[in-house]
Structures are given as structure tokens and as C-alpha cells.
Amino acid sequence: MWAKSAESTLKDLGRPSTLTFICGERVASLELLYKLGEVLAIDPVSITQAALGLDPVCRSSQLADRLEGKTLLYDIEAICWSPWLRLNVVRFLRDYSRRRGVVAIWPGTISGGTLTFSAAGRRDHVSAQAGGLGVLRPLLTTFPDQVPFSFERIPA
């Protein structure tokens, strides 16, 4: 099984103050997030459901409360599309990861030390420094013992 080969990386993902983004095509990223969930015995959580469910959150503290203990996250673009929160997505996730490591699917690109989502000039546009973050990129595998991702730590 691939988890044995990636044991030290998997351990690092759970360390407090560790924020790691999965960056890649959405289907492959979701598949990787769920593989991590199986190995770590953690259910991935949709931020869309947590933030915008029956009773939408009004403050970042409410979102943090709803996510309490959840460390595998997807659909984070929902909070980029939620201007009433006035939330810096990357800062929120960095703060949220202080108790235990967080792995989230980044809905845009990570390149040259910068995270980007949407286009400049749009109200949902995000551009942030990626220093100190981890990046998992899904890889196609043929055999069950092949690690299904590459890992990169972006220097602070």
C-alpha cells in the first residue's frame, strides 16, 4: 500500500500550523483527498455545506466553529464567492490550521510561490503568497503501492 511509502509526509500533514493544498484537476484532487481520508480515517468536508447550508455563516468565527476538528476540506471556493464574509481565505485557513494540520483542495493555481483563484478584477479573485505552505499534486498511478501524489513545501 502506498501509505507506508508516504508515511513521513502523511505525518507532516497532521502537524499543527501545517496548511497543505491539493492543486490539480478537480476530479483528481477530490480523488486524492478521499484517498487521504481513507488512510487517515478522516472524512473530507465541503466548506460549501458548512458555510452556506441551511443557515449561512456571517462571520469567520462561525465558520471555524462549524469546521471544528475537520482537517480535510474541499469546495473552498464557496467562501471566495461569499463577499459578506469579507474573509481572506488563505489567512483563515492558516489560522484554522494552528490546532492541527489542514489539507484543502485549492480551486485555482499555485505557481511561482503564489496561489491564485479567479481573474484579477473580479470580486472573487484571490492572489496570495504561498510561502510556508505544502502542495500536493495528484499523480496517476498504475499499482496500489505507488504514492498518488507529489509533495512540495514552499519555503517561507
C-alpha atoms as a PDB file:
ATOM      1  CA  MET A   1       0.000   0.000   0.000  1.00  0.00           C
ATOM      2  CA  TRP A   2       1.269   3.479  -0.852  1.00  0.00           C
ATOM      3  CA  ALA A   3       0.677   4.921   2.631  1.00  0.00           C
ATOM      4  CA  LYS A   4       3.769   3.138   4.002  1.00  0.00           C
ATOM      5  CA  SER A   5       5.955   4.832   1.366  1.00  0.00           C
ATOM      6  CA  ALA A   6       4.478   8.253   2.205  1.00  0.00           C
ATOM      7  CA  GLU A   7       4.384   7.778   5.985  1.00  0.00           C
ATOM      8  CA  SER A   8       6.569  10.781   6.870  1.00  0.00           C
ATOM      9  CA  THR A   9       4.631  13.103   4.532  1.00  0.00           C
ATOM     10  CA  LEU A  10       1.310  11.896   5.952  1.00  0.00           C
ATOM     11  CA  LYS A  11       2.597  12.551   9.478  1.00  0.00           C
ATOM     12  CA  ASP A  12       3.642  16.074   8.498  1.00  0.00           C
ATOM     13  CA  LEU A  13       0.187  16.842   7.072  1.00  0.00           C
ATOM     14  CA  GLY A  14      -1.344  16.496  10.544  1.00  0.00           C
ATOM     15  CA  ARG A  15       1.147  18.681  12.413  1.00  0.00           C
ATOM     16  CA  PRO A  16      -0.314  21.857  13.965  1.00  0.00           C
ATOM     17  CA  SER A  17       0.131  25.001  11.852  1.00  0.00           C
ATOM     18  CA  THR A  18       0.605  22.934   8.697  1.00  0.00           C
ATOM     19  CA  LEU A  19      -1.539  24.044   5.768  1.00  0.00           C
ATOM     20  CA  THR A  20      -1.313  21.952   2.622  1.00  0.00           C
ATOM     21  CA  PHE A  21      -3.212  22.495  -0.593  1.00  0.00           C
ATOM     22  CA  ILE A  22      -4.015  19.887  -3.194  1.00  0.00           C
ATOM     23  CA  CYS A  23      -3.627  21.532  -6.573  1.00  0.00           C
ATOM     24  CA  GLY A  24      -4.686  19.878  -9.788  1.00  0.00           C
ATOM     25  CA  GLU A  25      -7.675  18.965 -11.893  1.00  0.00           C
ATOM     26  CA  ARG A  26     -10.800  18.868  -9.689  1.00  0.00           C
ATOM     27  CA  VAL A  27     -11.720  15.198 -10.141  1.00  0.00           C
ATOM     28  CA  ALA A  28      -8.149  14.029  -9.493  1.00  0.00           C
ATOM     29  CA  SER A  29      -7.860  16.383  -6.491  1.00  0.00           C
ATOM     30  CA  LEU A  30     -11.091  15.079  -4.949  1.00  0.00           C
ATOM     31  CA  GLU A  31      -9.968  11.514  -5.544  1.00  0.00           C
ATOM     32  CA  LEU A  32      -6.680  12.238  -3.766  1.00  0.00           C
ATOM     33  CA  LEU A  33      -8.449  13.958  -0.859  1.00  0.00           C
ATOM     34  CA  TYR A  34     -10.675  10.912  -0.388  1.00  0.00           C
ATOM     35  CA  LYS A  35      -7.672   8.553  -0.592  1.00  0.00           C
ATOM     36  CA  LEU A  36      -6.029  10.590   2.161  1.00  0.00           C
ATOM     37  CA  GLY A  37      -9.267  10.392   4.121  1.00  0.00           C
ATOM     38  CA  GLU A  38      -9.294   6.595   3.868  1.00  0.00           C
ATOM     39  CA  VAL A  39      -5.681   6.272   5.029  1.00  0.00           C
ATOM     40  CA  LEU A  40      -6.052   8.830   7.840  1.00  0.00           C
ATOM     41  CA  ALA A  41      -9.586   7.686   8.825  1.00  0.00           C
ATOM     42  CA  ILE A  42     -10.936  11.234   8.351  1.00  0.00           C
ATOM     43  CA  ASP A  43     -13.995  12.245   6.345  1.00  0.00           C
ATOM     44  CA  PRO A  44     -13.461  15.155   3.936  1.00  0.00           C
ATOM     45  CA  VAL A  45     -15.829  18.093   4.470  1.00  0.00           C
ATOM     46  CA  SER A  46     -17.337  20.519   1.961  1.00  0.00           C
ATOM     47  CA  ILE A  47     -16.921  24.139   3.004  1.00  0.00           C
ATOM     48  CA  THR A  48     -19.952  24.914   0.831  1.00  0.00           C
ATOM     49  CA  GLN A  49     -22.122  22.742   3.067  1.00  0.00           C
ATOM     50  CA  ALA A  50     -20.528  24.053   6.279  1.00  0.00           C
ATOM     51  CA  ALA A  51     -20.665  27.746   5.326  1.00  0.00           C
ATOM     52  CA  LEU A  52     -23.754  28.011   3.171  1.00  0.00           C
ATOM     53  CA  GLY A  53     -26.042  25.238   4.444  1.00  0.00           C
ATOM     54  CA  LEU A  54     -29.481  25.936   5.872  1.00  0.00           C
ATOM     55  CA  ASP A  55     -28.128  28.797   7.979  1.00  0.00           C
ATOM     56  CA  PRO A  56     -25.266  30.630   6.179  1.00  0.00           C
ATOM     57  CA  VAL A  57     -22.441  31.839   8.378  1.00  0.00           C
ATOM     58  CA  CYS A  58     -21.970  35.587   8.898  1.00  0.00           C
ATOM     59  CA  ARG A  59     -18.510  35.605  10.457  1.00  0.00           C
ATOM     60  CA  SER A  60     -15.285  33.672  10.088  1.00  0.00           C
ATOM     61  CA  SER A  61     -15.572  32.557  13.733  1.00  0.00           C
ATOM     62  CA  GLN A  62     -18.877  30.834  12.910  1.00  0.00           C
ATOM     63  CA  LEU A  63     -17.237  29.018  10.024  1.00  0.00           C
ATOM     64  CA  ALA A  64     -14.348  27.933  12.246  1.00  0.00           C
ATOM     65  CA  ASP A  65     -16.850  26.626  14.806  1.00  0.00           C
ATOM     66  CA  ARG A  66     -18.702  24.614  12.157  1.00  0.00           C
ATOM     67  CA  LEU A  67     -15.460  23.160  10.862  1.00  0.00           C
ATOM     68  CA  GLU A  68     -14.110  22.349  14.345  1.00  0.00           C
ATOM     69  CA  GLY A  69     -11.906  19.265  14.110  1.00  0.00           C
ATOM     70  CA  LYS A  70     -12.334  18.882  10.340  1.00  0.00           C
ATOM     71  CA  THR A  71      -8.984  18.721   8.579  1.00  0.00           C
ATOM     72  CA  LEU A  72      -9.706  17.574   5.012  1.00  0.00           C
ATOM     73  CA  LEU A  73     -11.576  20.320   3.164  1.00  0.00           C
ATOM     74  CA  TYR A  74     -12.924  20.908  -0.319  1.00  0.00           C
ATOM     75  CA  ASP A  75     -15.179  23.447  -2.079  1.00  0.00           C
ATOM     76  CA  ILE A  76     -13.273  26.341  -0.504  1.00  0.00           C
ATOM     77  CA  GLU A  77     -14.188  28.494  -3.493  1.00  0.00           C
ATOM     78  CA  ALA A  78     -17.563  28.928  -1.788  1.00  0.00           C
ATOM     79  CA  ILE A  79     -16.011  31.368   0.662  1.00  0.00           C
ATOM     80  CA  CYS A  80     -14.317  33.230  -2.195  1.00  0.00           C
ATOM     81  CA  TRP A  81     -17.807  33.724  -3.657  1.00  0.00           C
ATOM     82  CA  SER A  82     -19.209  34.954  -0.319  1.00  0.00           C
ATOM     83  CA  PRO A  83     -18.415  38.679  -0.137  1.00  0.00           C
ATOM     84  CA  TRP A  84     -20.475  39.204   3.043  1.00  0.00           C
ATOM     85  CA  LEU A  85     -17.864  37.249   4.990  1.00  0.00           C
ATOM     86  CA  ARG A  86     -15.088  39.661   3.979  1.00  0.00           C
ATOM     87  CA  LEU A  87     -12.767  36.757   4.524  1.00  0.00           C
ATOM     88  CA  ASN A  88      -9.170  36.328   3.417  1.00  0.00           C
ATOM     89  CA  VAL A  89      -9.403  32.648   2.526  1.00  0.00           C
ATOM     90  CA  VAL A  90      -5.716  31.820   2.860  1.00  0.00           C
ATOM     91  CA  ARG A  91      -5.330  33.696   6.162  1.00  0.00           C
ATOM     92  CA  PHE A  92      -8.458  31.982   7.526  1.00  0.00           C
ATOM     93  CA  LEU A  93      -7.093  28.533   6.616  1.00  0.00           C
ATOM     94  CA  ARG A  94      -3.641  29.327   8.035  1.00  0.00           C
ATOM     95  CA  ASP A  95      -5.271  30.396  11.315  1.00  0.00           C
ATOM     96  CA  TYR A  96      -7.622  27.416  11.294  1.00  0.00           C
ATOM     97  CA  SER A  97      -4.684  25.011  10.805  1.00  0.00           C
ATOM     98  CA  ARG A  98      -2.977  26.148  14.022  1.00  0.00           C
ATOM     99  CA  ARG A  99      -4.568  23.401  16.137  1.00  0.00           C
ATOM    100  CA  ARG A 100      -3.943  20.602  13.668  1.00  0.00           C
ATOM    101  CA  GLY A 101      -2.818  20.361  10.099  1.00  0.00           C
ATOM    102  CA  VAL A 102      -5.300  21.050   7.317  1.00  0.00           C
ATOM    103  CA  VAL A 103      -5.350  19.705   3.771  1.00  0.00           C
ATOM    104  CA  ALA A 104      -7.654  21.578   1.386  1.00  0.00           C
ATOM    105  CA  ILE A 105      -8.235  21.479  -2.336  1.00  0.00           C
ATOM    106  CA  TRP A 106      -7.148  24.783  -3.858  1.00  0.00           C
ATOM    107  CA  PRO A 107      -9.598  25.666  -6.661  1.00  0.00           C
ATOM    108  CA  GLY A 108      -7.107  27.714  -8.681  1.00  0.00           C
ATOM    109  CA  THR A 109      -3.408  27.558  -9.451  1.00  0.00           C
ATOM    110  CA  ILE A 110      -0.253  27.526  -7.371  1.00  0.00           C
ATOM    111  CA  SER A 111       2.760  28.701  -9.291  1.00  0.00           C
ATOM    112  CA  GLY A 112       5.888  30.689  -8.576  1.00  0.00           C
ATOM    113  CA  GLY A 113       5.094  30.882  -4.867  1.00  0.00           C
ATOM    114  CA  THR A 114       1.637  32.409  -5.460  1.00  0.00           C
ATOM    115  CA  LEU A 115      -1.862  30.992  -5.010  1.00  0.00           C
ATOM    116  CA  THR A 116      -4.395  32.356  -7.497  1.00  0.00           C
ATOM    117  CA  PHE A 117      -8.126  31.880  -7.887  1.00  0.00           C
ATOM    118  CA  SER A 118     -10.362  33.557 -10.470  1.00  0.00           C
ATOM    119  CA  ALA A 119      -9.319  36.515 -12.625  1.00  0.00           C
ATOM    120  CA  ALA A 120      -7.894  39.846 -11.500  1.00  0.00           C
ATOM    121  CA  GLY A 121     -10.626  42.472 -11.194  1.00  0.00           C
ATOM    122  CA  ARG A 122     -13.353  40.002 -10.226  1.00  0.00           C
ATOM    123  CA  ARG A 123     -14.709  40.229  -6.692  1.00  0.00           C
ATOM    124  CA  ASP A 124     -13.906  36.558  -6.050  1.00  0.00           C
ATOM    125  CA  HIS A 125     -10.270  36.958  -7.146  1.00  0.00           C
ATOM    126  CA  VAL A 126      -7.664  35.669  -4.694  1.00  0.00           C
ATOM    127  CA  SER A 127      -3.927  36.084  -5.019  1.00  0.00           C
ATOM    128  CA  ALA A 128      -1.757  35.240  -2.023  1.00  0.00           C
ATOM    129  CA  GLN A 129       1.793  34.282  -1.181  1.00  0.00           C
ATOM    130  CA  ALA A 130       2.195  30.531  -0.764  1.00  0.00           C
ATOM    131  CA  GLY A 131       5.298  30.709   1.424  1.00  0.00           C
ATOM    132  CA  GLY A 132       5.337  28.094   4.166  1.00  0.00           C
ATOM    133  CA  LEU A 133       2.585  26.005   2.568  1.00  0.00           C
ATOM    134  CA  GLY A 134       2.696  22.445   1.338  1.00  0.00           C
ATOM    135  CA  VAL A 135       1.414  21.483  -2.103  1.00  0.00           C
ATOM    136  CA  LEU A 136       0.197  18.026  -3.072  1.00  0.00           C
ATOM    137  CA  ARG A 137      -0.262  17.383  -6.781  1.00  0.00           C
ATOM    138  CA  PRO A 138      -2.244  14.289  -7.787  1.00  0.00           C
ATOM    139  CA  LEU A 139      -0.369  11.690  -9.842  1.00  0.00           C
ATOM    140  CA  LEU A 140      -1.750   8.907 -11.985  1.00  0.00           C
ATOM    141  CA  THR A 141      -0.738   5.542 -10.610  1.00  0.00           C
ATOM    142  CA  THR A 142      -0.788   2.042 -12.036  1.00  0.00           C
ATOM    143  CA  PHE A 143      -0.079  -0.021  -8.955  1.00  0.00           C
ATOM    144  CA  PRO A 144      -1.546   0.214  -5.422  1.00  0.00           C
ATOM    145  CA  ASP A 145       1.887   0.730  -3.844  1.00  0.00           C
ATOM    146  CA  GLN A 146       2.615   3.874  -5.890  1.00  0.00           C
ATOM    147  CA  VAL A 147       2.196   7.151  -3.989  1.00  0.00           C
ATOM    148  CA  PRO A 148      -0.703   9.018  -5.694  1.00  0.00           C
ATOM    149  CA  PHE A 149       0.814  12.487  -5.247  1.00  0.00           C
ATOM    150  CA  SER A 150       3.937  14.583  -5.397  1.00  0.00           C
ATOM    151  CA  PHE A 151       4.694  16.832  -2.444  1.00  0.00           C
ATOM    152  CA  GLU A 152       6.382  20.212  -2.364  1.00  0.00           C
ATOM    153  CA  ARG A 153       7.000  22.506   0.598  1.00  0.00           C
ATOM    154  CA  ILE A 154       7.135  26.158  -0.494  1.00  0.00           C
ATOM    155  CA  PRO A 155       9.780  27.987   1.543  1.00  0.00           C
ATOM    156  CA  ALA A 156       8.520  30.787   3.812  1.00  0.00           C
END
